[in-house]
């Protein structure tokens, strides 16, 4: 059980990093606000479909629904690392936004 969870967590991290890096490279030439509205939903849909696949096959891997969902907690940081161009543009723009508080 622990080996399956370990393999799932590592596999998800590596695949998410790869997917977000590929999408970042594909969309890096378009304006970042358009890139955000394309890249992030595509990543979310792909990752959610991966989650649904693993949930459907959970008994094969001797994993519970909670264990599978728990493995997906580490996906968000991998998306931000792999989406370097998008998040660099967002970081560069944030100081320009004046907040009222």
N, C-alpha and C. Protein backbone atom coordinates (compact mmCIF):
# COMPACT_ATOMS: atom_id res chain seq x y z
N UNK A 1 0.82 -1.19 0.00
CA UNK A 1 0.00 0.00 0.00
C UNK A 1 0.87 1.26 0.00
N UNK A 2 1.87 1.30 0.89
CA UNK A 2 2.73 2.48 0.94
C UNK A 2 3.56 2.64 -0.32
N UNK A 3 3.95 1.52 -0.90
CA UNK A 3 4.72 1.58 -2.14
C UNK A 3 3.85 2.15 -3.26
N UNK A 4 2.60 1.72 -3.33
CA UNK A 4 1.69 2.24 -4.35
C UNK A 4 1.46 3.74 -4.16
N UNK A 5 1.30 4.18 -2.91
CA UNK A 5 1.11 5.62 -2.63
C UNK A 5 2.36 6.41 -3.01
N UNK A 6 3.52 5.87 -2.69
CA UNK A 6 4.78 6.53 -3.03
C UNK A 6 4.92 6.66 -4.54
N UNK A 7 4.68 5.58 -5.26
CA UNK A 7 4.79 5.60 -6.72
C UNK A 7 3.78 6.57 -7.32
N UNK A 8 2.55 6.57 -6.79
CA UNK A 8 1.53 7.49 -7.28
C UNK A 8 1.94 8.94 -7.05
N UNK A 9 2.42 9.26 -5.85
CA UNK A 9 2.82 10.64 -5.54
C UNK A 9 3.97 11.11 -6.43
N UNK A 10 4.97 10.27 -6.61
CA UNK A 10 6.11 10.62 -7.47
C UNK A 10 5.66 10.73 -8.92
N UNK A 11 4.89 9.76 -9.38
CA UNK A 11 4.41 9.78 -10.76
C UNK A 11 3.56 10.99 -11.06
N UNK A 12 2.68 11.35 -10.13
CA UNK A 12 1.85 12.54 -10.32
C UNK A 12 2.70 13.80 -10.36
N UNK A 13 3.65 13.89 -9.46
CA UNK A 13 4.51 15.09 -9.42
C UNK A 13 5.29 15.25 -10.71
N UNK A 14 5.90 14.17 -11.17
CA UNK A 14 6.70 14.23 -12.39
C UNK A 14 5.83 14.51 -13.61
N UNK A 15 4.69 13.82 -13.71
CA UNK A 15 3.83 14.03 -14.87
C UNK A 15 3.20 15.42 -14.87
N UNK A 16 2.82 15.92 -13.70
CA UNK A 16 2.26 17.27 -13.62
C UNK A 16 3.30 18.31 -13.98
N UNK A 17 4.51 18.14 -13.49
CA UNK A 17 5.58 19.06 -13.84
C UNK A 17 5.82 19.05 -15.35
N UNK A 18 5.84 17.87 -15.94
CA UNK A 18 6.04 17.76 -17.38
C UNK A 18 4.91 18.39 -18.18
N UNK A 19 3.67 18.11 -17.79
CA UNK A 19 2.51 18.66 -18.50
C UNK A 19 2.51 20.18 -18.41
N UNK A 20 2.74 20.72 -17.22
CA UNK A 20 2.71 22.18 -17.09
C UNK A 20 3.88 22.83 -17.82
N UNK A 21 5.05 22.17 -17.85
CA UNK A 21 6.18 22.72 -18.60
C UNK A 21 5.88 22.73 -20.10
N UNK A 22 5.32 21.65 -20.61
CA UNK A 22 4.98 21.58 -22.04
C UNK A 22 3.96 22.64 -22.41
N UNK A 23 2.90 22.77 -21.61
CA UNK A 23 1.88 23.79 -21.89
C UNK A 23 2.46 25.20 -21.79
N UNK A 24 3.35 25.40 -20.82
CA UNK A 24 3.98 26.71 -20.66
C UNK A 24 4.81 27.05 -21.90
N UNK A 25 5.52 26.08 -22.43
CA UNK A 25 6.32 26.31 -23.64
C UNK A 25 5.43 26.53 -24.86
N UNK A 26 4.30 25.84 -24.94
CA UNK A 26 3.39 26.01 -26.07
C UNK A 26 2.73 27.39 -26.08
N UNK A 27 2.40 27.90 -24.89
CA UNK A 27 1.65 29.15 -24.79
C UNK A 27 2.50 30.36 -24.42
N UNK A 28 3.81 30.23 -24.31
CA UNK A 28 4.63 31.32 -23.80
C UNK A 28 4.66 32.57 -24.68
N UNK A 29 4.29 32.47 -25.93
CA UNK A 29 4.33 33.62 -26.83
C UNK A 29 3.05 34.46 -26.81
N UNK A 30 2.00 33.95 -26.20
CA UNK A 30 0.77 34.73 -26.16
C UNK A 30 0.75 35.57 -24.87
N UNK A 31 -0.03 36.65 -24.83
CA UNK A 31 -0.07 37.48 -23.62
C UNK A 31 -0.43 36.64 -22.39
N UNK A 32 0.18 36.99 -21.26
CA UNK A 32 0.05 36.14 -20.08
C UNK A 32 -1.38 36.04 -19.57
N UNK A 33 -2.20 37.09 -19.75
CA UNK A 33 -3.57 36.98 -19.26
C UNK A 33 -4.38 36.00 -20.12
N UNK A 34 -4.10 35.91 -21.40
CA UNK A 34 -4.74 34.91 -22.26
C UNK A 34 -4.15 33.54 -21.95
N UNK A 35 -2.84 33.50 -21.75
CA UNK A 35 -2.16 32.24 -21.40
C UNK A 35 -2.77 31.65 -20.13
N UNK A 36 -3.03 32.49 -19.14
CA UNK A 36 -3.61 32.03 -17.88
C UNK A 36 -4.96 31.35 -18.12
N UNK A 37 -5.81 31.98 -18.93
CA UNK A 37 -7.16 31.46 -19.17
C UNK A 37 -7.18 30.25 -20.11
N UNK A 38 -6.07 29.93 -20.72
CA UNK A 38 -5.97 28.71 -21.52
C UNK A 38 -5.23 27.62 -20.74
N UNK A 39 -4.07 27.97 -20.25
CA UNK A 39 -3.17 26.98 -19.66
C UNK A 39 -3.71 26.39 -18.36
N UNK A 40 -4.19 27.21 -17.46
CA UNK A 40 -4.64 26.70 -16.16
C UNK A 40 -5.85 25.77 -16.29
N UNK A 41 -6.91 26.15 -17.04
CA UNK A 41 -8.02 25.20 -17.18
C UNK A 41 -7.62 23.88 -17.85
N UNK A 42 -6.74 23.94 -18.83
CA UNK A 42 -6.29 22.71 -19.48
C UNK A 42 -5.58 21.81 -18.48
N UNK A 43 -4.70 22.39 -17.68
CA UNK A 43 -3.98 21.61 -16.67
C UNK A 43 -4.96 21.01 -15.66
N UNK A 44 -5.91 21.80 -15.21
CA UNK A 44 -6.89 21.32 -14.23
C UNK A 44 -7.70 20.15 -14.80
N UNK A 45 -8.14 20.27 -16.04
CA UNK A 45 -8.93 19.21 -16.66
C UNK A 45 -8.10 17.93 -16.81
N UNK A 46 -6.86 18.07 -17.25
CA UNK A 46 -5.99 16.89 -17.40
C UNK A 46 -5.77 16.20 -16.06
N UNK A 47 -5.44 16.99 -15.03
CA UNK A 47 -5.16 16.43 -13.72
C UNK A 47 -6.41 15.81 -13.10
N UNK A 48 -7.56 16.46 -13.28
CA UNK A 48 -8.79 15.89 -12.74
C UNK A 48 -9.13 14.58 -13.44
N UNK A 49 -8.89 14.49 -14.74
CA UNK A 49 -9.12 13.22 -15.44
C UNK A 49 -8.17 12.13 -14.94
N UNK A 50 -6.94 12.52 -14.62
CA UNK A 50 -6.01 11.55 -14.03
C UNK A 50 -6.54 11.07 -12.68
N UNK A 51 -7.03 12.00 -11.87
CA UNK A 51 -7.59 11.66 -10.56
C UNK A 51 -8.78 10.71 -10.71
N UNK A 52 -9.67 11.02 -11.65
CA UNK A 52 -10.83 10.17 -11.87
C UNK A 52 -10.42 8.77 -12.33
N UNK A 53 -9.40 8.69 -13.16
CA UNK A 53 -8.89 7.39 -13.61
C UNK A 53 -8.40 6.57 -12.41
N UNK A 54 -7.58 7.20 -11.56
CA UNK A 54 -7.04 6.47 -10.41
C UNK A 54 -8.13 6.11 -9.41
N UNK A 55 -9.13 6.96 -9.25
CA UNK A 55 -10.23 6.62 -8.35
C UNK A 55 -11.01 5.41 -8.88
N UNK A 56 -11.20 5.37 -10.18
CA UNK A 56 -11.92 4.25 -10.78
C UNK A 56 -11.14 2.94 -10.65
N UNK A 57 -9.82 3.04 -10.61
CA UNK A 57 -8.98 1.85 -10.54
C UNK A 57 -8.33 1.67 -9.16
N UNK A 58 -8.84 2.35 -8.17
CA UNK A 58 -8.26 2.30 -6.82
C UNK A 58 -8.10 0.88 -6.27
N UNK A 59 -9.12 0.02 -6.41
CA UNK A 59 -8.95 -1.34 -5.86
C UNK A 59 -7.79 -2.11 -6.50
N UNK A 60 -7.50 -1.84 -7.76
CA UNK A 60 -6.37 -2.51 -8.43
C UNK A 60 -5.06 -2.20 -7.73
N UNK A 61 -4.94 -0.97 -7.21
CA UNK A 61 -3.69 -0.52 -6.60
C UNK A 61 -3.73 -0.64 -5.07
N UNK A 62 -4.81 -1.24 -4.53
CA UNK A 62 -5.01 -1.34 -3.08
C UNK A 62 -4.93 0.01 -2.39
N UNK A 63 -5.53 1.01 -3.00
CA UNK A 63 -5.56 2.36 -2.44
C UNK A 63 -7.00 2.77 -2.18
N UNK A 64 -7.17 3.60 -1.17
CA UNK A 64 -8.50 4.14 -0.89
C UNK A 64 -8.68 5.46 -1.64
N UNK A 65 -9.91 5.91 -1.66
CA UNK A 65 -10.21 7.20 -2.29
C UNK A 65 -9.44 8.33 -1.60
N UNK A 66 -9.39 8.29 -0.29
CA UNK A 66 -8.67 9.32 0.47
C UNK A 66 -7.17 9.31 0.15
N UNK A 67 -6.59 8.14 0.00
CA UNK A 67 -5.17 8.06 -0.32
C UNK A 67 -4.88 8.61 -1.70
N UNK A 68 -5.74 8.33 -2.64
CA UNK A 68 -5.55 8.86 -3.99
C UNK A 68 -5.72 10.37 -3.99
N UNK A 69 -6.79 10.86 -3.37
CA UNK A 69 -7.00 12.31 -3.32
C UNK A 69 -5.86 13.00 -2.58
N UNK A 70 -5.33 12.37 -1.55
CA UNK A 70 -4.20 12.93 -0.81
C UNK A 70 -2.96 13.07 -1.67
N UNK A 71 -2.76 12.16 -2.59
CA UNK A 71 -1.60 12.23 -3.47
C UNK A 71 -1.67 13.44 -4.40
N UNK A 72 -2.85 13.95 -4.62
CA UNK A 72 -3.01 15.08 -5.53
C UNK A 72 -2.76 16.43 -4.85
N UNK A 73 -2.50 16.45 -3.53
CA UNK A 73 -2.20 17.70 -2.85
C UNK A 73 -0.89 18.32 -3.34
N UNK A 74 0.01 17.51 -3.83
CA UNK A 74 1.32 18.00 -4.24
C UNK A 74 1.36 18.45 -5.70
N UNK A 75 0.22 18.38 -6.36
CA UNK A 75 0.16 18.74 -7.77
C UNK A 75 0.29 20.25 -7.98
N UNK A 76 -0.37 21.05 -7.16
CA UNK A 76 -0.37 22.51 -7.35
C UNK A 76 1.03 23.12 -7.35
N UNK A 77 1.90 22.75 -6.41
CA UNK A 77 3.25 23.31 -6.48
C UNK A 77 3.99 22.94 -7.76
N UNK A 78 3.75 21.73 -8.25
CA UNK A 78 4.41 21.30 -9.49
C UNK A 78 3.92 22.12 -10.68
N UNK A 79 2.64 22.48 -10.67
CA UNK A 79 2.10 23.32 -11.74
C UNK A 79 2.78 24.67 -11.73
N UNK A 80 2.96 25.25 -10.56
CA UNK A 80 3.59 26.58 -10.51
C UNK A 80 5.06 26.52 -10.90
N UNK A 81 5.75 25.44 -10.58
CA UNK A 81 7.16 25.30 -10.98
C UNK A 81 7.26 25.11 -12.49
N UNK A 82 6.40 24.28 -13.05
CA UNK A 82 6.43 24.00 -14.49
C UNK A 82 5.93 25.14 -15.34
N UNK A 83 5.12 26.01 -14.76
CA UNK A 83 4.57 27.15 -15.51
C UNK A 83 5.39 28.40 -15.24
N UNK A 84 6.67 28.29 -15.39
CA UNK A 84 7.60 29.38 -15.04
C UNK A 84 7.32 30.67 -15.80
N UNK A 85 7.08 30.59 -17.09
CA UNK A 85 6.84 31.80 -17.89
C UNK A 85 5.57 32.50 -17.43
N UNK A 86 4.51 31.76 -17.26
CA UNK A 86 3.24 32.34 -16.84
C UNK A 86 3.35 32.99 -15.47
N UNK A 87 3.90 32.29 -14.50
CA UNK A 87 3.97 32.84 -13.16
C UNK A 87 5.01 33.96 -13.03
N UNK A 88 6.03 33.96 -13.86
CA UNK A 88 6.98 35.08 -13.86
C UNK A 88 6.28 36.35 -14.34
N UNK A 89 5.44 36.23 -15.35
CA UNK A 89 4.69 37.40 -15.84
C UNK A 89 3.68 37.88 -14.81
N UNK A 90 3.04 36.97 -14.13
CA UNK A 90 2.08 37.36 -13.09
C UNK A 90 2.82 38.07 -11.96
N UNK A 91 3.96 37.53 -11.53
CA UNK A 91 4.75 38.17 -10.47
C UNK A 91 5.23 39.55 -10.88
N UNK A 92 5.61 39.69 -12.14
CA UNK A 92 6.09 40.99 -12.65
C UNK A 92 4.97 42.01 -12.66
N UNK A 93 3.75 41.59 -12.90
CA UNK A 93 2.61 42.49 -13.01
C UNK A 93 2.02 42.87 -11.65
N UNK A 94 2.10 41.99 -10.67
CA UNK A 94 1.47 42.25 -9.37
C UNK A 94 1.89 43.56 -8.71
N UNK A 95 3.16 43.95 -8.73
CA UNK A 95 3.51 45.23 -8.10
C UNK A 95 2.84 46.44 -8.78
N UNK A 96 2.40 46.29 -10.02
CA UNK A 96 1.75 47.38 -10.72
C UNK A 96 0.31 47.58 -10.28
N UNK A 97 -0.28 46.57 -9.65
CA UNK A 97 -1.66 46.65 -9.20
C UNK A 97 -1.70 47.34 -7.84
N UNK A 98 -2.43 48.42 -7.76
CA UNK A 98 -2.56 49.18 -6.49
C UNK A 98 -3.80 48.69 -5.77
N UNK A 99 -3.59 48.10 -4.61
CA UNK A 99 -4.71 47.62 -3.80
C UNK A 99 -5.14 48.70 -2.83
N UNK A 100 -6.44 48.81 -2.53
CA UNK A 100 -6.93 49.89 -1.67
C UNK A 100 -6.63 49.70 -0.19
N UNK A 101 -6.05 48.59 0.21
CA UNK A 101 -5.78 48.38 1.64
C UNK A 101 -4.33 48.25 1.93
